[in-house]
Amino acid sequence: MRHMTIANGLVIAAVLLVPRPGAAQEAQAEAAYASALGYASAVAVAGGGDDARQLAQADTIYRMARRALNQAEYRRAIDLFRRSMDEEPQYTADALYYQAYAYYRLGGGSNYRSAMHSLQRQMTEYPDAATHGDAQELAIRVEGELARRGDREAAERVAREAERDQEAEQQAEMKAVALQALLMMDSDRALPALTKVLQDRRPETAELRSQAVFILGQQDSDETLDIMLDVVRNDPEPEVKGHAAFWLSQVDDPRATDAVVEILSDPNIDEEIHGQVIFALGQSDDPRASALLREYASREDVSAEVRGMAVFGLAQRPSEENADLLQALFYEVEDADVREQILHALTQMPDAIDGDWLVQVATDQDEDPEVRQMALFWAGQSGAVAVDALVAMYDGAADPEMKEQILFTLAQMDDAAAFDKMLDIARSETDPELLTIAIFWIGQSGDPRAQDVLLEILEQ
């Protein structure tokens, strides 16, 4: 009954606010833009429903928990992350951080304490977790909230941390400003000073070294290149190395690419550095960069994140060769996230794929639901998908999220048959959420029949 009340409320609002055609087009454009942002970044947002049904469509409980978190269903996300840690221990390190974040967003003393428990466990048991830095930052925020609620020990820890960080940051900023000023006045004297800073590789100087790399990057000289090569090869801090590698990718010098290739040949390369170097290659004009990007996009022995960076780099280099490779990889790669990245990359390459291929992917029942939704979105944007195909897809779809995407695609079409299908959905759909979505799009359509139809629904 609650859902039906919401539906009736939307009908009333739609009747009162049936827009002029111009306003409808503007609303549709805004909706299309919002959806494009969501799908272009390949971020899946979960929409309610039964956990068992969603789990059947997801690769892991962890992935389902991330969806719940993205949709601000924090209690459900907490429970799912707990299940994931019990049943999928390989995700525990990052699951602890995201569970803590869900507790933090819920707020309240007990939730903040639960967040700290998860964060402390991650920092103790998984110090090398990819989200370790984020966990440290979140812990400071959580302790700040606990301190505001009268937790004396938290207040003391926050005060000590703030004093230490402020002193270190002020010192690093002061030195960075001095280095910048010296470089502007006398670059010959500045380079030895920058070299000295970059050779002091203690953990507490990482922030200053990172700023020194940025300052040094403003000088294009053989000496600068030598210093950057040394940073990339020897600095222990991934962020500092990554900044230097990015600078090298902008330099038109074979030695710079040699250094990048050398880093990639290290079997013990840090995962974060790996991704940063591949990203940097995507910005390089060296012919070897394209070959390396194609190699890494095809490799199965590297992480999904690294492959995704390679795919992103290829998208910045539209060519028939790269498009053919990515389309072939789409059918070979098993990881759904990488497939989404490949699909998005292909849509960014002019004439790389046609609407018929996108429709084929969208209608493939064996394909990952999120990949199908993305393909349908881009097929709709291309104008290649026919109303009859959308009607058949909606009627045969079991996934509510897929049906929602089909509804959106129908709503973007200036076609009487598309509006007729939305009317049919509004009159016969039994899922309350899909019903309310259909009513919303009918109200936004600008079709002269919209108001009569909405009044008809109200009178039922």
Foldseek 3Di string as FASTA:
>chain_A
DVLVVVLLVLLVVLLVPQDAQVQLLVVLVVVLVVVCVCLLVPPDADDDDDPVVVCVQDPALLSVLVNCVVVLVLVVSLVSLVVCCVVPVVCLLVSLQSNLVSLVVVDDDVSLVSSLVSLVCNCVVPVPDPCVVVSVVVNLVSLVSVVVVPPVVSVVVNVVVCVVVVVLVVVLVVVLVVLLVCCVVPVVVSLVVLLVLLVPQDPSSVVSVQSSLVSLLVDDDPSSLVSLLCSLVDRPDLNSNLSSLLSLLADPDVVSVVSLVVLVVDPPRDLSNLQSNLLSLLSHPPPVSLVVLLVLLPDPPHDLSSNLSSLVSLLSVADQVSLVSLVVVLVVDDDLSSNSSSVSSQLSHPPSDDLVVLLVQLQPPPHNPSSNLSSLSSSLVRVPDDLVSLLVCLVPDPDVVSNLSSLSSLLNDPDVSSLVSLLVCCVDPPPSVSNSSSLNSLSSNNPPCSSVSSVVSSVD
